[in-house]
Amino acid sequence: MVAFIVATVKLVFFGDIYVFNEIMNSTYDSAKTGFEISLGLTGVLALWLGVMKIGERGGMVELFSKAVAPLFFRNSFPTFQRITRHQDPF
């Protein structure tokens, strides 16, 4: 909305007849850039999901979570009470 108002002011007061064309071109360029970035990030996400699946099947994810959980919860959530399997309500 702001871009439209500014473009109208540039058209009416400054006589810039190419302002709306420039806005449309920049909008398409931004959309193209956003799509290219998201496509690259999708590839990276697929790579790391594959790595995590291999680690999960090999048992490394569970081993890593057992090693990191005490440090993470103790420092990040000091009032967090650990629930053991015997206390699990589900």
C-alpha atoms as a PDB file:
ATOM      1  CA  MET A   1       0.000   0.000   0.000  1.00  0.00           C
ATOM      2  CA  VAL A   2       2.825   2.396   0.879  1.00  0.00           C
ATOM      3  CA  ALA A   3       4.614   1.563  -2.376  1.00  0.00           C
ATOM      4  CA  PHE A   4       1.470   2.363  -4.337  1.00  0.00           C
ATOM      5  CA  ILE A   5       1.087   5.742  -2.612  1.00  0.00           C
ATOM      6  CA  VAL A   6       4.738   6.651  -3.142  1.00  0.00           C
ATOM      7  CA  ALA A   7       4.536   5.547  -6.773  1.00  0.00           C
ATOM      8  CA  THR A   8       1.435   7.658  -7.312  1.00  0.00           C
ATOM      9  CA  VAL A   9       3.177  10.698  -5.832  1.00  0.00           C
ATOM     10  CA  LYS A  10       6.196  10.104  -8.076  1.00  0.00           C
ATOM     11  CA  LEU A  11       3.904   9.784 -11.091  1.00  0.00           C
ATOM     12  CA  VAL A  12       1.760  12.840 -10.377  1.00  0.00           C
ATOM     13  CA  PHE A  13       4.311  15.295  -8.996  1.00  0.00           C
ATOM     14  CA  PHE A  14       7.569  14.185 -10.628  1.00  0.00           C
ATOM     15  CA  GLY A  15       6.269  12.770 -13.905  1.00  0.00           C
ATOM     16  CA  ASP A  16       7.986   9.416 -13.514  1.00  0.00           C
ATOM     17  CA  ILE A  17       5.950   7.280 -15.897  1.00  0.00           C
ATOM     18  CA  TYR A  18       8.073   4.150 -15.404  1.00  0.00           C
ATOM     19  CA  VAL A  19       7.569   3.904 -11.638  1.00  0.00           C
ATOM     20  CA  PHE A  20       4.847   1.229 -11.759  1.00  0.00           C
ATOM     21  CA  ASN A  21       6.861  -0.816 -14.230  1.00  0.00           C
ATOM     22  CA  GLU A  22       9.843  -0.658 -11.868  1.00  0.00           C
ATOM     23  CA  ILE A  23       7.681  -1.729  -8.922  1.00  0.00           C
ATOM     24  CA  MET A  24       6.359  -4.749 -10.833  1.00  0.00           C
ATOM     25  CA  ASN A  25       9.840  -5.748 -12.003  1.00  0.00           C
ATOM     26  CA  SER A  26      11.258  -5.488  -8.487  1.00  0.00           C
ATOM     27  CA  THR A  27       8.332  -7.516  -7.129  1.00  0.00           C
ATOM     28  CA  TYR A  28       9.008 -10.321  -9.626  1.00  0.00           C
ATOM     29  CA  ASP A  29      12.739 -10.188  -8.910  1.00  0.00           C
ATOM     30  CA  SER A  30      12.096 -10.475  -5.176  1.00  0.00           C
ATOM     31  CA  ALA A  31       9.731 -13.407  -5.723  1.00  0.00           C
ATOM     32  CA  LYS A  32      12.319 -15.136  -7.907  1.00  0.00           C
ATOM     33  CA  THR A  33      15.029 -14.633  -5.293  1.00  0.00           C
ATOM     34  CA  GLY A  34      12.758 -15.941  -2.538  1.00  0.00           C
ATOM     35  CA  PHE A  35      11.913 -19.026  -4.571  1.00  0.00           C
ATOM     36  CA  GLU A  36      15.583 -19.742  -5.300  1.00  0.00           C
ATOM     37  CA  ILE A  37      16.465 -19.421  -1.616  1.00  0.00           C
ATOM     38  CA  SER A  38      13.616 -21.684  -0.549  1.00  0.00           C
ATOM     39  CA  LEU A  39      14.589 -24.260  -3.166  1.00  0.00           C
ATOM     40  CA  GLY A  40      18.152 -24.320  -1.831  1.00  0.00           C
ATOM     41  CA  LEU A  41      16.965 -24.601   1.751  1.00  0.00           C
ATOM     42  CA  THR A  42      14.686 -27.485   0.803  1.00  0.00           C
ATOM     43  CA  GLY A  43      17.709 -29.366  -0.519  1.00  0.00           C
ATOM     44  CA  VAL A  44      19.668 -28.750   2.668  1.00  0.00           C
ATOM     45  CA  LEU A  45      16.670 -29.821   4.760  1.00  0.00           C
ATOM     46  CA  ALA A  46      16.358 -33.066   2.790  1.00  0.00           C
ATOM     47  CA  LEU A  47      20.066 -33.738   3.282  1.00  0.00           C
ATOM     48  CA  TRP A  48      19.913 -33.295   7.062  1.00  0.00           C
ATOM     49  CA  LEU A  49      16.695 -35.300   7.349  1.00  0.00           C
ATOM     50  CA  GLY A  50      18.523 -38.148   5.622  1.00  0.00           C
ATOM     51  CA  VAL A  51      21.502 -37.811   7.941  1.00  0.00           C
ATOM     52  CA  MET A  52      19.201 -37.810  10.975  1.00  0.00           C
ATOM     53  CA  LYS A  53      17.318 -40.881   9.680  1.00  0.00           C
ATOM     54  CA  ILE A  54      20.608 -42.754   9.338  1.00  0.00           C
ATOM     55  CA  GLY A  55      21.638 -41.636  12.828  1.00  0.00           C
ATOM     56  CA  GLU A  56      18.270 -42.673  14.200  1.00  0.00           C
ATOM     57  CA  ARG A  57      18.500 -46.155  12.715  1.00  0.00           C
ATOM     58  CA  GLY A  58      22.073 -46.522  13.952  1.00  0.00           C
ATOM     59  CA  GLY A  59      21.171 -45.467  17.501  1.00  0.00           C
ATOM     60  CA  MET A  60      23.283 -42.302  17.532  1.00  0.00           C
ATOM     61  CA  VAL A  61      20.320 -39.958  18.035  1.00  0.00           C
ATOM     62  CA  GLU A  62      19.237 -41.712  21.230  1.00  0.00           C
ATOM     63  CA  LEU A  63      22.812 -41.818  22.500  1.00  0.00           C
ATOM     64  CA  PHE A  64      23.289 -38.122  21.752  1.00  0.00           C
ATOM     65  CA  SER A  65      19.997 -37.190  23.408  1.00  0.00           C
ATOM     66  CA  LYS A  66      20.909 -39.094  26.569  1.00  0.00           C
ATOM     67  CA  ALA A  67      24.276 -37.320  26.687  1.00  0.00           C
ATOM     68  CA  VAL A  68      22.932 -33.816  26.068  1.00  0.00           C
ATOM     69  CA  ALA A  69      19.597 -33.929  27.923  1.00  0.00           C
ATOM     70  CA  PRO A  70      20.949 -33.404  31.465  1.00  0.00           C
ATOM     71  CA  LEU A  71      23.024 -30.404  30.408  1.00  0.00           C
ATOM     72  CA  PHE A  72      20.282 -28.893  28.295  1.00  0.00           C
ATOM     73  CA  PHE A  73      17.453 -29.204  30.786  1.00  0.00           C
ATOM     74  CA  ARG A  74      19.513 -28.272  33.832  1.00  0.00           C
ATOM     75  CA  ASN A  75      20.752 -25.014  32.258  1.00  0.00           C
ATOM     76  CA  SER A  76      17.759 -24.055  30.132  1.00  0.00           C
ATOM     77  CA  PHE A  77      14.908 -25.050  32.447  1.00  0.00           C
ATOM     78  CA  PRO A  78      16.083 -24.925  36.068  1.00  0.00           C
ATOM     79  CA  THR A  79      12.572 -25.565  37.461  1.00  0.00           C
ATOM     80  CA  PHE A  80      11.923 -28.510  35.104  1.00  0.00           C
ATOM     81  CA  GLN A  81      11.289 -31.759  36.948  1.00  0.00           C
ATOM     82  CA  ARG A  82      12.363 -34.885  35.125  1.00  0.00           C
ATOM     83  CA  ILE A  83       9.630 -37.450  34.539  1.00  0.00           C
ATOM     84  CA  THR A  84      10.795 -41.027  34.649  1.00  0.00           C
ATOM     85  CA  ARG A  85       9.068 -43.889  32.905  1.00  0.00           C
ATOM     86  CA  HIS A  86       7.382 -44.920  36.150  1.00  0.00           C
ATOM     87  CA  GLN A  87       5.892 -41.436  36.645  1.00  0.00           C
ATOM     88  CA  ASP A  88       4.708 -41.042  33.037  1.00  0.00           C
ATOM     89  CA  PRO A  89       0.910 -40.500  33.148  1.00  0.00           C
ATOM     90  CA  PHE A  90       0.458 -41.878  29.638  1.00  0.00           C
END
